[in-house]
C-alpha atoms as a PDB file:
ATOM      1  CA  MET A   1      -6.313  22.230 -16.420  1.00  0.00           C
ATOM      2  CA  THR A   2      -2.956  23.206 -17.895  1.00  0.00           C
ATOM      3  CA  LEU A   3      -1.096  21.175 -20.503  1.00  0.00           C
ATOM      4  CA  HIS A   4       1.433  19.980 -17.929  1.00  0.00           C
ATOM      5  CA  GLU A   5      -1.346  18.950 -15.529  1.00  0.00           C
ATOM      6  CA  LYS A   6      -3.068  17.025 -18.309  1.00  0.00           C
ATOM      7  CA  TYR A   7      -0.038  14.807 -18.885  1.00  0.00           C
ATOM      8  CA  ILE A   8       0.973  14.414 -15.233  1.00  0.00           C
ATOM      9  CA  LYS A   9      -2.593  13.251 -14.608  1.00  0.00           C
ATOM     10  CA  ARG A  10      -2.045  10.626 -17.297  1.00  0.00           C
ATOM     11  CA  CYS A  11       1.208   9.631 -15.551  1.00  0.00           C
ATOM     12  CA  ILE A  12      -0.739   9.064 -12.325  1.00  0.00           C
ATOM     13  CA  GLN A  13      -3.307   6.944 -14.170  1.00  0.00           C
ATOM     14  CA  LEU A  14      -0.540   4.786 -15.626  1.00  0.00           C
ATOM     15  CA  ALA A  15       1.290   4.480 -12.318  1.00  0.00           C
ATOM     16  CA  LYS A  16      -1.776   3.020 -10.602  1.00  0.00           C
ATOM     17  CA  ASN A  17      -1.473  -0.038 -12.859  1.00  0.00           C
ATOM     18  CA  GLY A  18       1.429  -1.092 -10.621  1.00  0.00           C
ATOM     19  CA  LEU A  19      -0.486  -0.896  -7.333  1.00  0.00           C
ATOM     20  CA  GLY A  20       0.332  -4.036  -5.362  1.00  0.00           C
ATOM     21  CA  THR A  21       3.178  -5.226  -7.602  1.00  0.00           C
ATOM     22  CA  THR A  22       5.953  -2.611  -7.294  1.00  0.00           C
ATOM     23  CA  TYR A  23       6.935  -3.063  -3.620  1.00  0.00           C
ATOM     24  CA  ASN A  24       9.499  -2.055  -2.431  1.00  0.00           C
ATOM     25  CA  ASN A  25       9.593   0.567  -5.174  1.00  0.00           C
ATOM     26  CA  PRO A  26       7.213   3.504  -5.648  1.00  0.00           C
ATOM     27  CA  LEU A  27       4.401   3.797  -8.171  1.00  0.00           C
ATOM     28  CA  VAL A  28       5.556   5.786 -11.195  1.00  0.00           C
ATOM     29  CA  GLY A  29       4.062   6.629 -14.572  1.00  0.00           C
ATOM     30  CA  SER A  30       5.668   8.421 -17.508  1.00  0.00           C
ATOM     31  CA  VAL A  31       4.460   9.999 -20.750  1.00  0.00           C
ATOM     32  CA  ILE A  32       6.486  11.354 -23.680  1.00  0.00           C
ATOM     33  CA  VAL A  33       4.892  14.144 -25.711  1.00  0.00           C
ATOM     34  CA  VAL A  34       5.703  16.018 -28.930  1.00  0.00           C
ATOM     35  CA  ASP A  35       3.436  18.854 -30.152  1.00  0.00           C
ATOM     36  CA  ASP A  36       0.669  17.878 -27.711  1.00  0.00           C
ATOM     37  CA  THR A  37       0.715  14.282 -28.980  1.00  0.00           C
ATOM     38  CA  ILE A  38       1.713  11.286 -26.874  1.00  0.00           C
ATOM     39  CA  ILE A  39       4.436   9.286 -28.635  1.00  0.00           C
ATOM     40  CA  GLY A  40       5.283   6.978 -25.736  1.00  0.00           C
ATOM     41  CA  GLU A  41       4.167   6.011 -22.271  1.00  0.00           C
ATOM     42  CA  GLY A  42       4.917   3.464 -19.572  1.00  0.00           C
ATOM     43  CA  TRP A  43       4.803   2.638 -15.894  1.00  0.00           C
ATOM     44  CA  HIS A  44       6.833   0.718 -13.361  1.00  0.00           C
ATOM     45  CA  TYR A  45       5.190  -2.632 -12.769  1.00  0.00           C
ATOM     46  CA  GLN A  46       7.587  -4.678 -10.641  1.00  0.00           C
ATOM     47  CA  SER A  47      10.645  -4.140  -8.461  1.00  0.00           C
ATOM     48  CA  GLY A  48      13.779  -5.095 -10.355  1.00  0.00           C
ATOM     49  CA  LYS A  49      12.112  -4.518 -13.721  1.00  0.00           C
ATOM     50  CA  PRO A  50      12.546  -1.375 -15.899  1.00  0.00           C
ATOM     51  CA  HIS A  51      11.264   1.875 -14.447  1.00  0.00           C
ATOM     52  CA  ALA A  52       8.467   3.974 -15.937  1.00  0.00           C
ATOM     53  CA  GLU A  53      10.777   6.280 -17.896  1.00  0.00           C
ATOM     54  CA  VAL A  54      12.608   3.313 -19.426  1.00  0.00           C
ATOM     55  CA  ASN A  55       9.337   1.706 -20.515  1.00  0.00           C
ATOM     56  CA  ALA A  56       8.030   4.996 -21.911  1.00  0.00           C
ATOM     57  CA  ILE A  57      11.197   5.625 -23.946  1.00  0.00           C
ATOM     58  CA  ALA A  58      11.213   2.009 -25.173  1.00  0.00           C
ATOM     59  CA  SER A  59       7.644   2.436 -26.451  1.00  0.00           C
ATOM     60  CA  VAL A  60       8.595   5.323 -28.785  1.00  0.00           C
ATOM     61  CA  LYS A  61       8.656   4.051 -32.362  1.00  0.00           C
ATOM     62  CA  ASP A  62      10.512   6.993 -33.950  1.00  0.00           C
ATOM     63  CA  THR A  63      13.369   7.806 -31.559  1.00  0.00           C
ATOM     64  CA  SER A  64      14.432  10.779 -33.692  1.00  0.00           C
ATOM     65  CA  LEU A  65      11.474  12.638 -32.146  1.00  0.00           C
ATOM     66  CA  LEU A  66      12.984  12.437 -28.658  1.00  0.00           C
ATOM     67  CA  LYS A  67      15.185  15.504 -29.175  1.00  0.00           C
ATOM     68  CA  ASP A  68      12.012  17.609 -29.513  1.00  0.00           C
ATOM     69  CA  ALA A  69      10.019  15.769 -26.835  1.00  0.00           C
ATOM     70  CA  THR A  70       8.922  16.534 -23.306  1.00  0.00           C
ATOM     71  CA  ILE A  71       8.996  13.653 -20.859  1.00  0.00           C
ATOM     72  CA  TYR A  72       6.480  13.744 -18.026  1.00  0.00           C
ATOM     73  CA  VAL A  73       6.993  11.645 -14.924  1.00  0.00           C
ATOM     74  CA  SER A  74       4.952  11.506 -11.716  1.00  0.00           C
ATOM     75  CA  LEU A  75       8.043  11.097  -9.487  1.00  0.00           C
ATOM     76  CA  GLU A  76      11.577  12.464  -9.759  1.00  0.00           C
ATOM     77  CA  PRO A  77      13.712  10.210 -12.001  1.00  0.00           C
ATOM     78  CA  CYS A  78      16.174   8.139  -9.990  1.00  0.00           C
ATOM     79  CA  SER A  79      19.843   9.067  -9.970  1.00  0.00           C
ATOM     80  CA  HIS A  80      21.411   6.007  -8.344  1.00  0.00           C
ATOM     81  CA  PHE A  81      22.262   2.460  -9.358  1.00  0.00           C
ATOM     82  CA  GLY A  82      19.955  -0.073  -7.723  1.00  0.00           C
ATOM     83  CA  LYS A  83      18.595  -3.107  -9.486  1.00  0.00           C
ATOM     84  CA  THR A  84      18.439  -0.917 -12.613  1.00  0.00           C
ATOM     85  CA  PRO A  85      20.568   2.010 -13.910  1.00  0.00           C
ATOM     86  CA  PRO A  86      19.597   5.655 -13.194  1.00  0.00           C
ATOM     87  CA  CYS A  87      16.638   6.912 -15.224  1.00  0.00           C
ATOM     88  CA  SER A  88      18.000  10.463 -15.192  1.00  0.00           C
ATOM     89  CA  ASP A  89      21.067   9.226 -17.110  1.00  0.00           C
ATOM     90  CA  LEU A  90      18.874   7.554 -19.728  1.00  0.00           C
ATOM     91  CA  ILE A  91      16.848  10.740 -20.265  1.00  0.00           C
ATOM     92  CA  ILE A  92      20.088  12.691 -20.781  1.00  0.00           C
ATOM     93  CA  LYS A  93      21.530  10.015 -23.080  1.00  0.00           C
ATOM     94  CA  LYS A  94      18.406  10.042 -25.287  1.00  0.00           C
ATOM     95  CA  GLY A  95      18.650  13.810 -25.736  1.00  0.00           C
ATOM     96  CA  ILE A  96      15.322  14.699 -24.138  1.00  0.00           C
ATOM     97  CA  LYS A  97      15.668  18.352 -23.171  1.00  0.00           C
ATOM     98  CA  LYS A  98      12.443  19.064 -21.279  1.00  0.00           C
ATOM     99  CA  VAL A  99      11.387  17.139 -18.162  1.00  0.00           C
ATOM    100  CA  VAL A 100       8.179  17.766 -16.195  1.00  0.00           C
ATOM    101  CA  ILE A 101       8.025  16.138 -12.753  1.00  0.00           C
ATOM    102  CA  GLY A 102       5.106  15.701 -10.388  1.00  0.00           C
ATOM    103  CA  THR A 103       7.059  15.638  -7.123  1.00  0.00           C
ATOM    104  CA  ILE A 104      10.521  15.243  -5.642  1.00  0.00           C
ATOM    105  CA  ASP A 105      11.394  11.752  -4.391  1.00  0.00           C
ATOM    106  CA  THR A 106      12.156  12.130  -0.670  1.00  0.00           C
ATOM    107  CA  PHE A 107      13.965   8.774  -0.608  1.00  0.00           C
ATOM    108  CA  ALA A 108      17.485   9.649   0.563  1.00  0.00           C
ATOM    109  CA  LYS A 109      19.255   8.057  -2.417  1.00  0.00           C
ATOM    110  CA  VAL A 110      17.320  10.321  -4.808  1.00  0.00           C
ATOM    111  CA  SER A 111      15.910  13.397  -2.993  1.00  0.00           C
ATOM    112  CA  GLY A 112      16.692  16.074  -5.565  1.00  0.00           C
ATOM    113  CA  ASN A 113      19.768  14.403  -7.043  1.00  0.00           C
ATOM    114  CA  GLY A 114      17.854  13.335 -10.137  1.00  0.00           C
ATOM    115  CA  VAL A 115      16.671  16.904 -10.756  1.00  0.00           C
ATOM    116  CA  ARG A 116      20.176  18.316 -10.240  1.00  0.00           C
ATOM    117  CA  ARG A 117      21.674  15.788 -12.631  1.00  0.00           C
ATOM    118  CA  LEU A 118      19.136  16.678 -15.318  1.00  0.00           C
ATOM    119  CA  MET A 119      19.630  20.419 -14.866  1.00  0.00           C
ATOM    120  CA  ASN A 120      23.433  20.090 -14.914  1.00  0.00           C
ATOM    121  CA  ALA A 121      23.086  18.300 -18.259  1.00  0.00           C
ATOM    122  CA  GLY A 122      21.149  21.272 -19.669  1.00  0.00           C
ATOM    123  CA  CYS A 123      17.614  19.914 -19.330  1.00  0.00           C
ATOM    124  CA  ASP A 124      14.720  22.310 -18.748  1.00  0.00           C
ATOM    125  CA  VAL A 125      13.080  20.884 -15.601  1.00  0.00           C
ATOM    126  CA  VAL A 126       9.591  21.811 -14.384  1.00  0.00           C
ATOM    127  CA  LEU A 127       8.845  20.573 -10.876  1.00  0.00           C
ATOM    128  CA  GLY A 128       5.740  20.277  -8.681  1.00  0.00           C
ATOM    129  CA  VAL A 129       2.938  19.731 -11.205  1.00  0.00           C
ATOM    130  CA  LEU A 130      -0.076  18.169  -9.421  1.00  0.00           C
ATOM    131  CA  GLU A 131       2.291  17.656  -6.516  1.00  0.00           C
ATOM    132  CA  LYS A 132      -0.445  16.911  -3.970  1.00  0.00           C
ATOM    133  CA  GLU A 133      -1.903  14.175  -6.190  1.00  0.00           C
ATOM    134  CA  CYS A 134       1.549  12.698  -6.844  1.00  0.00           C
ATOM    135  CA  LEU A 135       2.342  12.619  -3.123  1.00  0.00           C
ATOM    136  CA  GLU A 136      -0.995  10.877  -2.488  1.00  0.00           C
ATOM    137  CA  LEU A 137      -0.157   8.321  -5.177  1.00  0.00           C
ATOM    138  CA  ASN A 138       2.916   7.236  -3.211  1.00  0.00           C
ATOM    139  CA  LYS A 139       1.588   7.692   0.325  1.00  0.00           C
ATOM    140  CA  ARG A 140       2.784   4.188   1.191  1.00  0.00           C
ATOM    141  CA  PHE A 141       6.322   4.740  -0.102  1.00  0.00           C
ATOM    142  CA  PHE A 142       6.698   8.165   1.516  1.00  0.00           C
ATOM    143  CA  THR A 143       5.222   7.077   4.871  1.00  0.00           C
ATOM    144  CA  PHE A 144       7.626   4.144   5.008  1.00  0.00           C
ATOM    145  CA  HIS A 145      10.733   6.232   4.287  1.00  0.00           C
ATOM    146  CA  ASN A 146       9.759   9.394   6.171  1.00  0.00           C
ATOM    147  CA  LYS A 147       8.052   7.924   9.256  1.00  0.00           C
ATOM    148  CA  LYS A 148       9.980   4.638   9.395  1.00  0.00           C
ATOM    149  CA  ARG A 149       6.783   2.595   9.535  1.00  0.00           C
ATOM    150  CA  PRO A 150       4.249   1.198   7.055  1.00  0.00           C
ATOM    151  CA  TYR A 151       1.210   3.086   5.814  1.00  0.00           C
ATOM    152  CA  ILE A 152      -1.535   1.736   8.084  1.00  0.00           C
ATOM    153  CA  VAL A 153      -5.064   1.068   6.827  1.00  0.00           C
ATOM    154  CA  LEU A 154      -7.645   0.084   9.436  1.00  0.00           C
ATOM    155  CA  LYS A 155     -10.507  -1.979   8.050  1.00  0.00           C
ATOM    156  CA  TRP A 156     -13.539  -3.483   9.705  1.00  0.00           C
ATOM    157  CA  ALA A 157     -17.197  -4.310   9.106  1.00  0.00           C
ATOM    158  CA  GLN A 158     -19.876  -3.447  11.624  1.00  0.00           C
ATOM    159  CA  THR A 159     -23.597  -4.020  11.982  1.00  0.00           C
ATOM    160  CA  LEU A 160     -26.273  -1.354  11.961  1.00  0.00           C
ATOM    161  CA  ASP A 161     -26.209  -1.426  15.766  1.00  0.00           C
ATOM    162  CA  GLY A 162     -22.408  -1.058  15.949  1.00  0.00           C
ATOM    163  CA  TYR A 163     -21.102  -4.582  16.553  1.00  0.00           C
ATOM    164  CA  ILE A 164     -18.082  -6.136  14.867  1.00  0.00           C
ATOM    165  CA  ALA A 165     -18.801  -9.721  16.011  1.00  0.00           C
ATOM    166  CA  PRO A 166     -21.705 -11.601  17.609  1.00  0.00           C
ATOM    167  CA  ALA A 167     -21.629 -12.716  21.227  1.00  0.00           C
ATOM    168  CA  HIS A 168     -21.488 -16.407  20.293  1.00  0.00           C
ATOM    169  CA  THR A 169     -20.723 -18.465  17.187  1.00  0.00           C
ATOM    170  CA  LYS A 170     -21.287 -22.158  16.546  1.00  0.00           C
ATOM    171  CA  LYS A 171     -18.531 -22.739  13.998  1.00  0.00           C
ATOM    172  CA  ARG A 172     -14.892 -21.704  13.629  1.00  0.00           C
ATOM    173  CA  GLU A 173     -15.493 -19.532  10.581  1.00  0.00           C
ATOM    174  CA  PRO A 174     -16.238 -15.866   9.826  1.00  0.00           C
ATOM    175  CA  VAL A 175     -19.691 -14.437  10.464  1.00  0.00           C
ATOM    176  CA  TRP A 176     -20.350 -12.233   7.452  1.00  0.00           C
ATOM    177  CA  ILE A 177     -21.784  -8.782   8.112  1.00  0.00           C
ATOM    178  CA  THR A 178     -21.428  -7.413   4.587  1.00  0.00           C
ATOM    179  CA  ASN A 179     -22.516  -8.547   1.136  1.00  0.00           C
ATOM    180  CA  THR A 180     -20.468 -10.297  -1.570  1.00  0.00           C
ATOM    181  CA  HIS A 181     -19.669  -7.008  -3.349  1.00  0.00           C
ATOM    182  CA  SER A 182     -18.064  -5.566  -0.218  1.00  0.00           C
ATOM    183  CA  LYS A 183     -16.179  -8.827   0.314  1.00  0.00           C
ATOM    184  CA  GLN A 184     -14.721  -8.586  -3.190  1.00  0.00           C
ATOM    185  CA  ILE A 185     -13.637  -4.981  -2.576  1.00  0.00           C
ATOM    186  CA  ALA A 186     -11.886  -6.084   0.613  1.00  0.00           C
ATOM    187  CA  HIS A 187      -9.989  -8.757  -1.322  1.00  0.00           C
ATOM    188  CA  LYS A 188      -9.014  -6.171  -3.931  1.00  0.00           C
ATOM    189  CA  TRP A 189      -7.513  -4.097  -1.112  1.00  0.00           C
ATOM    190  CA  ARG A 190      -5.536  -7.131   0.048  1.00  0.00           C
ATOM    191  CA  ALA A 191      -3.989  -7.363  -3.425  1.00  0.00           C
ATOM    192  CA  GLU A 192      -3.036  -3.672  -3.283  1.00  0.00           C
ATOM    193  CA  GLU A 193      -1.421  -3.572   0.157  1.00  0.00           C
ATOM    194  CA  GLN A 194       1.750  -5.401   1.062  1.00  0.00           C
ATOM    195  CA  ALA A 195       0.575  -7.014   4.303  1.00  0.00           C
ATOM    196  CA  ILE A 196      -2.470  -7.817   6.416  1.00  0.00           C
ATOM    197  CA  LEU A 197      -2.541  -8.022  10.226  1.00  0.00           C
ATOM    198  CA  VAL A 198      -4.948  -9.635  12.691  1.00  0.00           C
ATOM    199  CA  GLY A 199      -4.917 -10.670  16.342  1.00  0.00           C
ATOM    200  CA  ASN A 200      -4.936 -14.275  17.490  1.00  0.00           C
ATOM    201  CA  GLN A 201      -8.591 -14.168  18.544  1.00  0.00           C
ATOM    202  CA  THR A 202      -9.589 -13.538  14.928  1.00  0.00           C
ATOM    203  CA  VAL A 203      -7.588 -16.608  13.898  1.00  0.00           C
ATOM    204  CA  ILE A 204      -8.928 -18.736  16.763  1.00  0.00           C
ATOM    205  CA  LYS A 205     -12.584 -17.810  16.224  1.00  0.00           C
ATOM    206  CA  ASP A 206     -12.805 -17.266  12.441  1.00  0.00           C
ATOM    207  CA  ASN A 207      -9.885 -19.327  11.037  1.00  0.00           C
ATOM    208  CA  PRO A 208      -9.401 -16.874   8.114  1.00  0.00           C
ATOM    209  CA  LYS A 209      -7.075 -17.458   5.157  1.00  0.00           C
ATOM    210  CA  LEU A 210      -6.263 -13.742   4.687  1.00  0.00           C
ATOM    211  CA  THR A 211      -5.622 -14.244   0.969  1.00  0.00           C
ATOM    212  CA  THR A 212      -6.921 -12.681  -2.257  1.00  0.00           C
ATOM    213  CA  ARG A 213      -9.255 -15.520  -3.201  1.00  0.00           C
ATOM    214  CA  ASN A 214     -11.878 -13.206  -4.689  1.00  0.00           C
ATOM    215  CA  TRP A 215      -9.507 -10.959  -6.619  1.00  0.00           C
ATOM    216  CA  SER A 216      -6.583 -11.425  -8.993  1.00  0.00           C
ATOM    217  CA  GLY A 217      -3.314 -10.381  -7.376  1.00  0.00           C
ATOM    218  CA  ASN A 218      -0.567 -11.260  -4.948  1.00  0.00           C
ATOM    219  CA  HIS A 219      -1.467 -12.556  -1.510  1.00  0.00           C
ATOM    220  CA  PRO A 220      -0.443 -10.094   1.191  1.00  0.00           C
ATOM    221  CA  ILE A 221       2.147 -11.003   3.806  1.00  0.00           C
ATOM    222  CA  ARG A 222       0.109 -12.297   6.762  1.00  0.00           C
ATOM    223  CA  ILE A 223       0.905 -10.983  10.226  1.00  0.00           C
ATOM    224  CA  VAL A 224      -0.667 -12.396  13.389  1.00  0.00           C
ATOM    225  CA  ILE A 225      -0.254 -11.143  16.959  1.00  0.00           C
ATOM    226  CA  ASP A 226      -0.051 -14.300  19.070  1.00  0.00           C
ATOM    227  CA  ARG A 227       1.872 -13.496  22.231  1.00  0.00           C
ATOM    228  CA  SER A 228       1.240 -16.871  23.919  1.00  0.00           C
ATOM    229  CA  ASN A 229       1.197 -19.203  20.874  1.00  0.00           C
ATOM    230  CA  GLN A 230      -2.507 -19.963  21.202  1.00  0.00           C
ATOM    231  CA  ILE A 231      -3.257 -20.424  17.512  1.00  0.00           C
ATOM    232  CA  PRO A 232      -4.344 -23.999  16.681  1.00  0.00           C
ATOM    233  CA  VAL A 233      -1.901 -25.918  14.500  1.00  0.00           C
ATOM    234  CA  ASN A 234      -4.641 -26.559  11.906  1.00  0.00           C
ATOM    235  CA  SER A 235      -5.218 -22.826  11.326  1.00  0.00           C
ATOM    236  CA  ASN A 236      -5.439 -21.694   7.698  1.00  0.00           C
ATOM    237  CA  ILE A 237      -2.772 -19.026   8.201  1.00  0.00           C
ATOM    238  CA  LEU A 238      -0.228 -21.831   8.779  1.00  0.00           C
ATOM    239  CA  ASP A 239      -0.751 -23.300   5.290  1.00  0.00           C
ATOM    240  CA  ASN A 240       2.585 -21.965   3.917  1.00  0.00           C
ATOM    241  CA  ILE A 241       1.032 -20.548   0.733  1.00  0.00           C
ATOM    242  CA  THR A 242       2.445 -17.100   1.470  1.00  0.00           C
ATOM    243  CA  LYS A 243       4.865 -15.463   3.889  1.00  0.00           C
ATOM    244  CA  THR A 244       3.443 -15.271   7.411  1.00  0.00           C
ATOM    245  CA  ILE A 245       4.904 -13.452  10.417  1.00  0.00           C
ATOM    246  CA  LEU A 246       3.853 -14.535  13.911  1.00  0.00           C
ATOM    247  CA  ILE A 247       4.440 -11.847  16.520  1.00  0.00           C
ATOM    248  CA  THR A 248       4.898 -13.380  19.936  1.00  0.00           C
ATOM    249  CA  THR A 249       6.933 -12.906  23.118  1.00  0.00           C
ATOM    250  CA  GLU A 250      10.548 -13.948  23.607  1.00  0.00           C
ATOM    251  CA  GLN A 251       9.726 -17.107  25.589  1.00  0.00           C
ATOM    252  CA  HIS A 252       7.436 -18.349  22.809  1.00  0.00           C
ATOM    253  CA  ILE A 253       9.787 -17.833  19.871  1.00  0.00           C
ATOM    254  CA  LYS A 254      10.202 -20.860  17.585  1.00  0.00           C
ATOM    255  CA  LYS A 255      12.549 -21.559  14.721  1.00  0.00           C
ATOM    256  CA  SER A 256      11.546 -19.634  11.594  1.00  0.00           C
ATOM    257  CA  THR A 257      11.231 -21.070   8.084  1.00  0.00           C
ATOM    258  CA  ASP A 258      11.121 -19.392   4.673  1.00  0.00           C
ATOM    259  CA  THR A 259       7.348 -18.882   4.911  1.00  0.00           C
ATOM    260  CA  LEU A 260       6.754 -18.804   8.676  1.00  0.00           C
ATOM    261  CA  ILE A 261       8.718 -16.196  10.607  1.00  0.00           C
ATOM    262  CA  TYR A 262       8.651 -15.583  14.359  1.00  0.00           C
ATOM    263  CA  GLU A 263       9.295 -12.122  15.797  1.00  0.00           C
ATOM    264  CA  ALA A 264       9.332 -11.171  19.487  1.00  0.00           C
ATOM    265  CA  VAL A 265       7.790  -8.130  21.176  1.00  0.00           C
ATOM    266  CA  ASP A 266       7.850  -6.995  24.785  1.00  0.00           C
ATOM    267  CA  ALA A 267       4.276  -7.461  25.998  1.00  0.00           C
ATOM    268  CA  HIS A 268       4.732  -4.665  28.535  1.00  0.00           C
ATOM    269  CA  ASN A 269       5.793  -1.991  26.026  1.00  0.00           C
ATOM    270  CA  ASN A 270       3.867  -0.129  23.332  1.00  0.00           C
ATOM    271  CA  ILE A 271       2.997  -3.174  21.246  1.00  0.00           C
ATOM    272  CA  ALA A 272       1.570  -1.152  18.324  1.00  0.00           C
ATOM    273  CA  LYS A 273       4.864   0.757  17.988  1.00  0.00           C
ATOM    274  CA  SER A 274       6.864  -2.468  18.387  1.00  0.00           C
ATOM    275  CA  ILE A 275       4.864  -4.080  15.597  1.00  0.00           C
ATOM    276  CA  CYS A 276       5.487  -1.065  13.351  1.00  0.00           C
ATOM    277  CA  ASP A 277       9.219  -1.476  14.011  1.00  0.00           C
ATOM    278  CA  ILE A 278       9.041  -5.158  13.063  1.00  0.00           C
ATOM    279  CA  LEU A 279       7.197  -4.384   9.826  1.00  0.00           C
ATOM    280  CA  TYR A 280       9.726  -1.667   8.993  1.00  0.00           C
ATOM    281  CA  LYS A 281      12.512  -4.181   9.572  1.00  0.00           C
ATOM    282  CA  HIS A 282      10.840  -6.501   7.045  1.00  0.00           C
ATOM    283  CA  LYS A 283      10.547  -3.592   4.548  1.00  0.00           C
ATOM    284  CA  ILE A 284       6.750  -3.704   4.620  1.00  0.00           C
ATOM    285  CA  GLN A 285       5.447  -0.404   3.226  1.00  0.00           C
ATOM    286  CA  SER A 286       1.725  -0.875   3.849  1.00  0.00           C
ATOM    287  CA  VAL A 287      -0.524  -2.997   6.032  1.00  0.00           C
ATOM    288  CA  ILE A 288      -4.259  -3.543   6.418  1.00  0.00           C
ATOM    289  CA  ILE A 289      -5.211  -4.139  10.038  1.00  0.00           C
ATOM    290  CA  GLU A 290      -8.331  -6.263   9.817  1.00  0.00           C
ATOM    291  CA  GLY A 291      -8.627  -8.154  13.000  1.00  0.00           C
ATOM    292  CA  GLY A 292     -10.654  -7.608  16.111  1.00  0.00           C
ATOM    293  CA  THR A 293     -11.669  -4.501  18.022  1.00  0.00           C
ATOM    294  CA  HIS A 294      -8.854  -4.923  20.560  1.00  0.00           C
ATOM    295  CA  THR A 295      -6.164  -5.102  17.858  1.00  0.00           C
ATOM    296  CA  ILE A 296      -7.530  -2.205  15.804  1.00  0.00           C
ATOM    297  CA  GLN A 297      -8.177  -0.038  18.861  1.00  0.00           C
ATOM    298  CA  SER A 298      -4.598  -0.523  20.091  1.00  0.00           C
ATOM    299  CA  PHE A 299      -3.324   1.227  16.952  1.00  0.00           C
ATOM    300  CA  ILE A 300      -5.983   3.952  17.163  1.00  0.00           C
ATOM    301  CA  ASP A 301      -5.136   4.670  20.804  1.00  0.00           C
ATOM    302  CA  LYS A 302      -1.449   5.136  19.932  1.00  0.00           C
ATOM    303  CA  ASN A 303      -2.347   7.275  16.905  1.00  0.00           C
ATOM    304  CA  LEU A 304      -0.614   4.795  14.603  1.00  0.00           C
ATOM    305  CA  TRP A 305      -2.957   4.773  11.638  1.00  0.00           C
ATOM    306  CA  ASP A 306      -3.377   6.662   8.372  1.00  0.00           C
ATOM    307  CA  GLU A 307      -6.695   5.566   6.932  1.00  0.00           C
ATOM    308  CA  ALA A 308      -9.812   3.767   8.179  1.00  0.00           C
ATOM    309  CA  ARG A 309     -12.234   1.958   5.877  1.00  0.00           C
ATOM    310  CA  VAL A 310     -15.445   0.983   7.613  1.00  0.00           C
ATOM    311  CA  PHE A 311     -18.185  -1.167   6.111  1.00  0.00           C
ATOM    312  CA  GLU A 312     -21.642  -1.058   7.655  1.00  0.00           C
ATOM    313  CA  GLY A 313     -23.881  -3.977   6.782  1.00  0.00           C
ATOM    314  CA  SER A 314     -27.662  -4.154   6.858  1.00  0.00           C
ATOM    315  CA  ILE A 315     -27.952  -6.627   9.756  1.00  0.00           C
ATOM    316  CA  THR A 316     -27.990  -6.307  13.559  1.00  0.00           C
ATOM    317  CA  PHE A 317     -26.494  -8.487  16.320  1.00  0.00           C
ATOM    318  CA  GLU A 318     -28.078  -6.821  19.390  1.00  0.00           C
ATOM    319  CA  SER A 319     -25.102  -8.020  21.464  1.00  0.00           C
ATOM    320  CA  GLY A 320     -21.485  -9.018  20.966  1.00  0.00           C
ATOM    321  CA  THR A 321     -18.186  -7.199  20.437  1.00  0.00           C
ATOM    322  CA  LYS A 322     -18.532  -3.473  19.862  1.00  0.00           C
ATOM    323  CA  ALA A 323     -16.789  -1.940  16.849  1.00  0.00           C
ATOM    324  CA  PRO A 324     -13.660   0.221  17.337  1.00  0.00           C
ATOM    325  CA  ILE A 325     -14.040   3.941  18.017  1.00  0.00           C
ATOM    326  CA  CYS A 326     -12.174   5.998  15.451  1.00  0.00           C
ATOM    327  CA  LYS A 327     -12.198   9.770  15.027  1.00  0.00           C
ATOM    328  CA  GLY A 328     -10.788  11.058  11.769  1.00  0.00           C
ATOM    329  CA  VAL A 329     -11.520  13.306   8.831  1.00  0.00           C
ATOM    330  CA  LEU A 330     -14.363  11.996   6.681  1.00  0.00           C
ATOM    331  CA  ILE A 331     -13.050  11.360   3.163  1.00  0.00           C
ATOM    332  CA  SER A 332     -15.942   9.570   1.498  1.00  0.00           C
ATOM    333  CA  ARG A 333     -19.147   7.644   2.069  1.00  0.00           C
ATOM    334  CA  GLU A 334     -20.657   5.409  -0.600  1.00  0.00           C
ATOM    335  CA  LYS A 335     -23.248   2.685  -0.988  1.00  0.00           C
ATOM    336  CA  ILE A 336     -22.140  -0.831  -1.942  1.00  0.00           C
ATOM    337  CA  THR A 337     -25.640  -2.105  -2.781  1.00  0.00           C
ATOM    338  CA  THR A 338     -27.000  -2.915   0.722  1.00  0.00           C
ATOM    339  CA  ASP A 339     -23.822  -1.834   2.559  1.00  0.00           C
ATOM    340  CA  THR A 340     -22.271   1.541   3.293  1.00  0.00           C
ATOM    341  CA  LEU A 341     -18.512   2.124   3.012  1.00  0.00           C
ATOM    342  CA  THR A 342     -17.095   5.102   4.927  1.00  0.00           C
ATOM    343  CA  THR A 343     -13.456   6.184   4.672  1.00  0.00           C
ATOM    344  CA  TYR A 344     -11.648   8.335   7.217  1.00  0.00           C
ATOM    345  CA  LYS A 345      -8.167   9.866   7.179  1.00  0.00           C
ATOM    346  CA  ASN A 346      -6.025  10.511  10.237  1.00  0.00           C
ATOM    347  CA  ASP A 347      -5.293  14.227  10.078  1.00  0.00           C
END
């Protein structure tokens, strides 16, 4: 590992502290180094708050060292005025002459402008250090801006004999296939992604809350496909504790409120693509699709997915609803005590 890679790796570690809290901004970490010693570091932790470079510079106790420092940043410093001033201007103002960047920001308002501004000011800029890892760090941000849709994570739990739900249930509540450790991991994912989506049958049968009850973090935006308004009025997803989007058809549209929003789709068109367009309209950069084989399979069949996370429990149902069929590149397989978690990537 080179010296530059060492510090960009640290930038990535810092950036991950903002996972789930920086939307609609990217994850960014920054480190300031003099003579192979870190004198400052920071990360972006919330949209509208100071960026990683600003926090890193602010953490330096002896600012006279900045003229001899190298600043490392996982993503190209911004060059435009948004909710905060351009970070590239601050780097120039503080007299930092060497800048090492993980990857270019493909967002149109930046996209090389930050690098050009730094170079025009006389900075020595090194670009593309651990670029693959830095692109992976912001897969949600880049997918949203480049593909005009959210980063889509498919998630389900299945039994040893391949069922996602039993044939019959006695109560309107979830039937748990996995153990408590897997459940906690799933809630952690909810805190990391911006939204969660299910079909109306999941709501009707299981009455889920779709919140982060077992993990500290923001509740995701809840999205439910309910084309005929069949969801009971006492459903947990109508509790107004977080923003909820109900996707229905034009004839079933109701008046929206601050926390309950109705959006219409054409039931005869590609509903998966239509939903992606709705989520893009609402600036949703990532979504976990949790609900039902029919809902998940509709996105698989249209090749609208990026990652699949599949839990396999230690029980059997013998009959019921079969799990989705997903073919992707195997990324990992690990044991969660009695469960197995397998992750696939759509290549």
